[in-house]
Amino acid sequence: MEPTITFIFLTTLFLAYANGANDNFKGVATLYGSKTLDYKKALAWTTFTTALGCGLAMFLAGELIIVFKGKGLVPEDVILMQNFPLAVGAGAAITVMLATFLNLPVSTTHALIGSLAGAGWIATEAGINWEKLSKAYFFPLVAGPILSIVLTYIVYLLFKRLRTNLNIQQETCLCIGEKIIATAQSHTMTKNDFINNFSTSIGLPEPLVASKAYCRSSYSGHFAGISARQFLDWLHYLSSGLVCFSRGLNDTPKIVALLLIGSRFDLNFSILAVGIAMIAGGLIHSKRIAVTMGKKVTEMNPGQAFTANFITGIIVLGASKVGMPVSTTHVSCGSIFAIGAANKIINLKVLFQILLAWVTTLPLGFIFGLVLMSALG
């Protein structure tokens, strides 16, 4: 294998690794943040469902491979340059990995598009097709989060009204590990209130209870003869899995496209290699993003998290099928923001940091792609 081909392969794997590090946990961040699952179990669930999405990418999201080869964005002779996929992959990977170490959830899609445009613009006097960039790439990236905010806000209010009509009440549970020690209808009761009221009755020393116990918001009542708490937990699991599956389906072909430029690698081999690298990045680095998205933006109970995940999964799945390059990160954050806005509970400082990262991702990708393409000649 030629040295350049080897570098293209390694650079693409590095991008896939960076993507997994920044993106893999996003789908289950609500499971972790709402304390429905602990970190290790949430990580196992996202790894499994993301792997399914990666494996089915060539059957359900083949159009995205064509889009992210740069066809129509840059001249055909630029696409066929050996150094072009190398510059694009490295530029996007550096952008995403930098954000990961800063604990910021950013869009691999933005980084890739920026790097594609930067490398393509400097590689030829003809430049890039700005109309194609705005219509085929930029418009879906802007429309995705806006659509998720609007839909999540509306659907959440509808679900909230349905819950009220079914007489399903919010409750707060005192838990130690996965065991529920006590419950109370009032959502204002705190962990200390529970400990003061129940530490003697559960037969555990108060210091142990104080260090191990936590409060978790849930629901009381029944739906179709099933406990509302269990029913919503299962919906939460499934919706989180849908987000992870959709993300694997949406991101894999974007990265695989770098290996398929010039038909240098086999499609099945490329998907397998990219999928493994994505999963490895997620297993090693997910904790950083887990804390930001799961706990810092806004607090959610399982019902609210289900709504956010459901809308995210549907939007990303539909976009993948039609070859529209939406950002799972932006759609997911949009849904979480809508839940926080509906309940008037949101961390504006963290939200501003995330928005700042969004705004800078595409320009940074452009700069890195341009610089690397210039250096590689």
Protein backbone atom coordinates (compact mmCIF):
# COMPACT_ATOMS: atom_id res chain seq x y z
CA MET A 1 0.00 0.00 0.00
CA GLU A 2 1.34 3.42 -0.98
CA PRO A 3 2.34 5.75 1.90
CA THR A 4 -0.31 8.33 0.92
CA ILE A 5 -3.05 5.68 0.90
CA THR A 6 -1.88 4.48 4.31
CA PHE A 7 -2.02 8.03 5.69
CA ILE A 8 -5.54 8.51 4.25
CA PHE A 9 -6.66 5.31 5.98
CA LEU A 10 -5.11 6.27 9.33
CA THR A 11 -6.43 9.83 9.15
CA THR A 12 -9.96 8.59 8.43
CA LEU A 13 -9.76 6.24 11.39
CA PHE A 14 -8.57 9.13 13.56
CA LEU A 15 -11.61 11.16 12.44
CA ALA A 16 -13.90 8.20 13.22
CA TYR A 17 -12.25 7.88 16.64
CA ALA A 18 -12.73 11.60 17.30
CA ASN A 19 -16.35 11.33 16.19
CA GLY A 20 -16.97 8.49 18.62
CA ALA A 21 -15.24 10.37 21.43
CA ASN A 22 -17.46 13.42 20.96
CA ASP A 23 -20.71 11.85 19.73
CA ASN A 24 -21.21 8.29 20.99
CA PHE A 25 -22.66 9.20 24.37
CA LYS A 26 -25.01 11.93 23.17
CA GLY A 27 -27.89 9.56 22.56
CA VAL A 28 -27.82 8.19 26.10
CA ALA A 29 -26.88 11.42 27.87
CA THR A 30 -30.47 11.73 29.09
CA LEU A 31 -30.41 8.18 30.50
CA TYR A 32 -27.34 9.14 32.49
CA GLY A 33 -28.50 12.63 33.41
CA SER A 34 -31.90 11.46 34.67
CA LYS A 35 -30.21 8.62 36.63
CA THR A 36 -32.25 6.02 34.73
CA LEU A 37 -28.96 4.18 34.06
CA ASP A 38 -25.52 4.57 35.54
CA TYR A 39 -22.59 5.57 33.34
CA LYS A 40 -21.33 2.05 32.52
CA LYS A 41 -24.73 0.68 31.54
CA ALA A 42 -25.53 3.76 29.47
CA LEU A 43 -22.17 3.39 27.71
CA ALA A 44 -22.88 -0.29 26.95
CA TRP A 45 -26.30 0.59 25.49
CA THR A 46 -24.93 3.36 23.25
CA THR A 47 -22.09 1.11 22.05
CA PHE A 48 -24.50 -1.66 21.04
CA THR A 49 -27.06 0.55 19.28
CA THR A 50 -24.43 2.70 17.56
CA ALA A 51 -22.79 -0.46 16.20
CA LEU A 52 -26.14 -1.49 14.69
CA GLY A 53 -26.44 1.89 12.98
CA CYS A 54 -22.90 1.66 11.62
CA GLY A 55 -23.52 -1.83 10.25
CA LEU A 56 -26.68 -0.82 8.38
CA ALA A 57 -25.31 2.45 7.01
CA MET A 58 -24.62 1.19 3.50
CA PHE A 59 -28.18 -0.14 3.18
CA LEU A 60 -30.08 2.84 4.59
CA ALA A 61 -27.84 5.90 4.13
CA GLY A 62 -25.90 5.39 0.92
CA GLU A 63 -26.84 8.85 -0.40
CA LEU A 64 -24.73 10.49 2.31
CA ILE A 65 -21.60 8.79 0.96
CA ILE A 66 -22.11 10.59 -2.35
CA VAL A 67 -22.75 13.94 -0.63
CA PHE A 68 -19.60 13.76 1.50
CA LYS A 69 -17.29 12.80 -1.32
CA GLY A 70 -17.58 16.50 -2.20
CA LYS A 71 -19.29 15.89 -5.54
CA GLY A 72 -20.69 19.17 -6.82
CA LEU A 73 -19.00 21.16 -4.05
CA VAL A 74 -15.48 21.06 -5.51
CA PRO A 75 -14.26 20.30 -9.06
CA GLU A 76 -13.88 16.61 -9.96
CA ASP A 77 -10.12 16.93 -10.50
CA VAL A 78 -9.72 18.18 -6.90
CA ILE A 79 -11.68 15.21 -5.52
CA LEU A 80 -9.30 12.85 -7.30
CA MET A 81 -6.18 14.45 -5.77
CA GLN A 82 -4.50 12.00 -3.42
CA ASN A 83 -3.96 14.60 -0.71
CA PHE A 84 -7.54 15.90 -0.75
CA PRO A 85 -9.16 13.21 1.48
CA LEU A 86 -6.08 13.33 3.71
CA ALA A 87 -6.43 17.09 4.31
CA VAL A 88 -10.21 16.86 4.78
CA GLY A 89 -10.05 13.98 7.26
CA ALA A 90 -7.21 15.45 9.29
CA GLY A 91 -8.78 18.92 9.40
CA ALA A 92 -12.12 17.57 10.64
CA ALA A 93 -10.49 15.19 13.13
CA ILE A 94 -8.37 17.92 14.74
CA THR A 95 -11.44 20.15 15.07
CA VAL A 96 -13.59 17.48 16.74
CA MET A 97 -10.86 16.15 19.03
CA LEU A 98 -10.02 19.69 20.20
CA ALA A 99 -13.66 20.21 21.17
CA THR A 100 -13.75 16.86 22.97
CA PHE A 101 -10.83 17.80 25.22
CA LEU A 102 -12.66 21.06 25.98
CA ASN A 103 -15.74 18.98 26.99
CA LEU A 104 -17.87 20.59 24.26
CA PRO A 105 -20.34 18.62 22.12
CA VAL A 106 -19.75 19.73 18.53
CA SER A 107 -20.83 18.52 15.12
CA THR A 108 -18.59 16.19 13.12
CA THR A 109 -20.79 17.10 10.16
CA HIS A 110 -19.88 20.79 10.56
CA ALA A 111 -16.20 19.94 10.91
CA LEU A 112 -16.28 17.76 7.79
CA ILE A 113 -18.13 20.30 5.68
CA GLY A 114 -15.79 23.08 6.78
CA SER A 115 -12.74 20.96 6.04
CA LEU A 116 -14.15 19.90 2.64
CA ALA A 117 -14.75 23.53 1.72
CA GLY A 118 -11.38 24.75 3.00
CA ALA A 119 -9.33 22.05 1.27
CA GLY A 120 -11.35 22.42 -1.94
CA TRP A 121 -11.13 26.20 -1.98
CA ILE A 122 -7.32 26.34 -1.73
CA ALA A 123 -6.70 23.40 -4.08
CA THR A 124 -7.86 25.16 -7.25
CA GLU A 125 -8.36 28.64 -8.68
CA ALA A 126 -11.96 27.72 -9.48
CA GLY A 127 -12.68 27.51 -5.75
CA ILE A 128 -15.83 25.82 -4.47
CA ASN A 129 -19.49 25.89 -5.45
CA TRP A 130 -20.89 28.29 -2.83
CA GLU A 131 -24.48 27.73 -3.99
CA LYS A 132 -24.08 23.98 -3.47
CA LEU A 133 -22.54 24.62 -0.05
CA SER A 134 -25.47 26.74 1.08
CA LYS A 135 -28.30 24.58 -0.32
CA ALA A 136 -27.06 21.02 0.06
CA TYR A 137 -24.95 21.42 3.20
CA PHE A 138 -25.60 24.60 5.17
CA PHE A 139 -29.41 24.74 4.95
CA PRO A 140 -29.99 21.26 6.47
CA LEU A 141 -27.56 22.04 9.30
CA VAL A 142 -29.49 25.18 10.23
CA ALA A 143 -32.94 23.64 9.69
CA GLY A 144 -32.21 20.52 11.81
CA PRO A 145 -31.91 22.12 15.27
CA ILE A 146 -34.69 24.63 14.58
CA LEU A 147 -37.04 21.81 13.59
CA SER A 148 -36.07 19.79 16.67
CA ILE A 149 -36.71 22.74 19.02
CA VAL A 150 -40.16 23.43 17.56
CA LEU A 151 -41.28 19.79 17.37
CA THR A 152 -39.95 18.85 20.80
CA TYR A 153 -41.61 21.85 22.43
CA ILE A 154 -45.00 21.04 20.85
CA VAL A 155 -44.85 17.27 21.41
CA TYR A 156 -43.68 17.68 25.00
CA LEU A 157 -46.64 19.93 25.86
CA LEU A 158 -49.01 17.42 24.21
CA PHE A 159 -47.50 14.52 26.18
CA LYS A 160 -47.70 16.58 29.36
CA ARG A 161 -51.41 17.19 28.82
CA LEU A 162 -51.97 13.49 28.05
CA ARG A 163 -50.19 12.54 31.29
CA THR A 164 -52.44 14.88 33.25
CA ASN A 165 -55.56 13.43 31.61
CA LEU A 166 -54.43 9.90 32.50
CA ASN A 167 -53.86 10.99 36.11
CA ILE A 168 -50.18 10.06 36.02
CA GLN A 169 -48.42 12.16 38.65
CA GLN A 170 -44.80 13.19 39.00
CA GLU A 171 -43.02 11.77 42.01
CA THR A 172 -39.55 11.90 43.51
CA CYS A 173 -37.82 8.66 44.46
CA LEU A 174 -35.01 8.18 46.96
CA CYS A 175 -32.68 5.53 45.53
CA ILE A 176 -29.55 3.70 46.62
CA GLY A 177 -28.00 2.15 43.55
CA GLU A 178 -30.94 0.88 41.50
CA LYS A 179 -33.11 0.16 44.56
CA ILE A 180 -35.98 2.57 45.31
CA ILE A 181 -36.07 3.23 49.06
CA ALA A 182 -38.92 5.72 49.23
CA THR A 183 -41.16 7.86 47.06
CA ALA A 184 -43.05 11.10 47.50
CA GLN A 185 -45.59 12.86 45.28
CA SER A 186 -44.07 16.27 45.88
CA HIS A 187 -41.38 17.01 43.29
CA THR A 188 -39.98 19.65 45.62
CA MET A 189 -38.83 17.20 48.27
CA THR A 190 -35.05 17.03 48.40
CA LYS A 191 -32.56 14.28 49.09
CA ASN A 192 -31.94 15.61 52.62
CA ASP A 193 -35.69 15.58 53.34
CA PHE A 194 -35.84 11.93 52.35
CA ILE A 195 -32.79 11.02 54.40
CA ASN A 196 -34.16 12.74 57.49
CA ASN A 197 -37.50 10.96 57.11
CA PHE A 198 -36.42 7.51 56.01
CA SER A 199 -32.84 6.82 57.15
CA THR A 200 -33.97 5.06 60.32
CA SER A 201 -36.73 3.00 58.73
CA ILE A 202 -34.49 1.55 56.00
CA GLY A 203 -32.06 0.25 58.59
CA LEU A 204 -28.88 1.81 57.23
CA PRO A 205 -26.48 4.20 58.97
CA GLU A 206 -27.22 7.81 58.09
CA PRO A 207 -23.66 8.56 56.80
CA LEU A 208 -23.98 5.62 54.37
CA VAL A 209 -27.36 6.84 53.16
CA ALA A 210 -26.03 10.36 52.72
CA SER A 211 -23.11 9.20 50.59
CA LYS A 212 -24.97 6.63 48.46
CA ALA A 213 -28.51 7.98 48.15
CA TYR A 214 -29.77 10.20 45.38
CA CYS A 215 -33.11 11.63 44.28
CA ARG A 216 -34.63 10.70 40.95
CA SER A 217 -37.70 12.23 39.34
CA SER A 218 -40.22 9.70 38.03
CA TYR A 219 -43.97 9.04 37.74
CA SER A 220 -46.68 7.28 39.72
CA GLY A 221 -49.82 5.68 38.34
CA HIS A 222 -50.53 3.12 35.63
CA PHE A 223 -50.90 3.10 31.87
CA ALA A 224 -52.71 0.14 30.23
CA GLY A 225 -52.20 -1.84 33.43
CA ILE A 226 -48.44 -1.20 33.49
CA SER A 227 -46.57 0.91 36.03
CA ALA A 228 -46.10 4.39 34.57
CA ARG A 229 -42.54 4.47 35.92
CA GLN A 230 -41.57 1.21 34.20
CA PHE A 231 -43.41 2.08 30.99
CA LEU A 232 -41.66 5.44 30.64
CA ASP A 233 -38.28 3.94 31.54
CA TRP A 234 -38.63 1.44 28.69
CA LEU A 235 -39.70 4.17 26.29
CA HIS A 236 -36.65 6.12 27.43
CA TYR A 237 -34.35 3.14 26.73
CA LEU A 238 -35.85 2.64 23.27
CA SER A 239 -35.76 6.32 22.31
CA SER A 240 -32.12 6.62 23.44
CA GLY A 241 -31.28 3.56 21.40
CA LEU A 242 -33.03 5.14 18.42
CA VAL A 243 -30.86 8.26 18.71
CA CYS A 244 -27.65 6.21 18.93
CA PHE A 245 -28.72 4.00 16.01
CA SER A 246 -29.62 7.05 13.91
CA ARG A 247 -26.33 8.75 14.74
CA GLY A 248 -24.32 5.69 13.71
CA LEU A 249 -26.40 5.51 10.54
CA ASN A 250 -25.91 9.21 9.80
CA ASP A 251 -22.24 9.68 10.69
CA THR A 252 -20.68 6.47 9.34
CA PRO A 253 -21.24 7.20 5.62
CA LYS A 254 -19.95 10.76 6.01
CA ILE A 255 -16.60 9.45 7.28
CA VAL A 256 -16.49 6.38 5.03
CA ALA A 257 -16.78 8.71 2.02
CA LEU A 258 -13.15 9.79 2.58
CA LEU A 259 -11.97 6.23 2.02
CA LEU A 260 -14.11 5.79 -1.09
CA ILE A 261 -12.83 8.88 -2.92
CA GLY A 262 -10.96 7.48 -5.92
CA SER A 263 -12.26 3.96 -5.05
CA ARG A 264 -9.16 3.24 -2.98
CA PHE A 265 -10.90 0.96 -0.44
CA ASP A 266 -13.67 -1.62 -0.38
CA LEU A 267 -17.04 -0.34 0.92
CA ASN A 268 -17.70 -3.14 3.42
CA PHE A 269 -14.16 -2.99 4.80
CA SER A 270 -14.39 0.80 5.11
CA ILE A 271 -17.66 0.65 7.07
CA LEU A 272 -16.26 -2.01 9.41
CA ALA A 273 -13.03 -0.08 10.07
CA VAL A 274 -14.82 3.24 10.62
CA GLY A 275 -17.40 1.61 12.91
CA ILE A 276 -14.74 0.02 15.11
CA ALA A 277 -12.83 3.30 15.41
CA MET A 278 -16.01 5.22 16.30
CA ILE A 279 -16.89 2.73 19.03
CA ALA A 280 -13.33 2.78 20.42
CA GLY A 281 -13.39 6.58 20.67
CA GLY A 282 -16.70 6.45 22.50
CA LEU A 283 -15.56 3.83 24.99
CA ILE A 284 -12.43 5.78 25.91
CA HIS A 285 -13.58 9.41 25.92
CA SER A 286 -17.35 9.48 26.50
CA LYS A 287 -17.20 10.66 30.11
CA ARG A 288 -16.30 14.21 29.10
CA ILE A 289 -19.38 14.75 26.94
CA ALA A 290 -21.62 12.70 29.26
CA VAL A 291 -21.32 15.25 32.05
CA THR A 292 -21.90 18.26 29.78
CA MET A 293 -24.98 16.97 27.94
CA GLY A 294 -26.40 14.73 30.66
CA LYS A 295 -26.18 17.05 33.64
CA LYS A 296 -25.15 20.60 32.83
CA VAL A 297 -27.60 21.84 30.17
CA THR A 298 -30.85 21.03 31.99
CA GLU A 299 -32.21 18.36 34.31
CA MET A 300 -34.78 15.96 32.85
CA ASN A 301 -36.96 13.16 34.12
CA PRO A 302 -37.51 9.99 32.01
CA GLY A 303 -40.67 11.32 30.35
CA GLN A 304 -39.01 14.55 29.26
CA ALA A 305 -35.91 12.68 28.10
CA PHE A 306 -38.05 10.27 26.06
CA THR A 307 -39.64 13.19 24.22
CA ALA A 308 -36.26 14.78 23.41
CA ASN A 309 -34.78 11.50 22.22
CA PHE A 310 -37.84 10.49 20.21
CA ILE A 311 -37.84 13.71 18.18
CA THR A 312 -34.06 13.58 17.70
CA GLY A 313 -34.13 9.98 16.49
CA ILE A 314 -36.99 10.56 14.03
CA ILE A 315 -35.39 13.66 12.49
CA VAL A 316 -31.92 12.10 12.10
CA LEU A 317 -33.29 8.79 10.80
CA GLY A 318 -35.40 10.55 8.17
CA ALA A 319 -32.52 12.81 7.13
CA SER A 320 -30.17 9.82 6.77
CA LYS A 321 -32.61 8.04 4.48
CA VAL A 322 -32.92 10.98 2.06
CA GLY A 323 -29.22 11.88 2.17
CA MET A 324 -29.64 15.16 4.06
CA PRO A 325 -26.52 16.07 6.12
CA VAL A 326 -28.06 17.09 9.43
CA SER A 327 -26.02 17.21 12.63
CA THR A 328 -27.11 14.72 15.29
CA THR A 329 -25.39 16.93 17.87
CA HIS A 330 -27.35 20.03 16.91
CA VAL A 331 -30.66 18.19 16.64
CA SER A 332 -30.12 16.50 20.03
CA CYS A 333 -29.07 19.72 21.76
CA GLY A 334 -32.05 21.49 20.18
CA SER A 335 -34.42 18.92 21.68
CA ILE A 336 -32.80 19.16 25.12
CA PHE A 337 -32.96 22.96 24.93
CA ALA A 338 -36.69 22.80 24.08
CA ILE A 339 -37.39 20.68 27.17
CA GLY A 340 -35.47 23.13 29.34
CA ALA A 341 -37.28 26.08 27.78
CA ALA A 342 -40.71 24.47 28.28
CA ASN A 343 -39.92 23.99 32.00
CA LYS A 344 -38.03 27.30 32.32
CA ILE A 345 -35.00 25.43 33.69
CA ILE A 346 -31.85 25.76 31.61
CA ASN A 347 -28.20 26.53 32.27
CA LEU A 348 -27.65 29.56 30.05
CA LYS A 349 -23.89 29.63 30.64
CA VAL A 350 -23.42 26.06 29.39
CA LEU A 351 -25.86 26.68 26.53
CA PHE A 352 -23.83 29.72 25.45
CA GLN A 353 -20.63 27.65 25.47
CA ILE A 354 -22.27 25.00 23.29
CA LEU A 355 -23.63 27.61 20.86
CA LEU A 356 -20.19 29.22 20.65
CA ALA A 357 -18.69 25.81 19.83
CA TRP A 358 -21.31 25.33 17.11
CA VAL A 359 -20.57 28.69 15.51
CA THR A 360 -16.81 28.11 15.46
CA THR A 361 -16.76 24.45 14.33
CA LEU A 362 -17.32 25.04 10.62
CA PRO A 363 -14.82 27.94 10.33
CA LEU A 364 -12.21 25.96 12.28
CA GLY A 365 -12.73 22.97 9.99
CA PHE A 366 -12.37 25.29 7.00
CA ILE A 367 -9.10 26.73 8.33
CA PHE A 368 -7.59 23.35 9.22
CA GLY A 369 -8.61 21.87 5.85
CA LEU A 370 -7.15 24.86 4.01
CA VAL A 371 -3.87 24.85 5.95
CA LEU A 372 -3.35 21.10 5.62
CA MET A 373 -4.18 21.09 1.90
CA SER A 374 -1.68 23.93 1.39
CA ALA A 375 0.98 22.08 3.37
CA LEU A 376 0.44 18.81 1.54
CA GLY A 377 0.48 20.55 -1.82
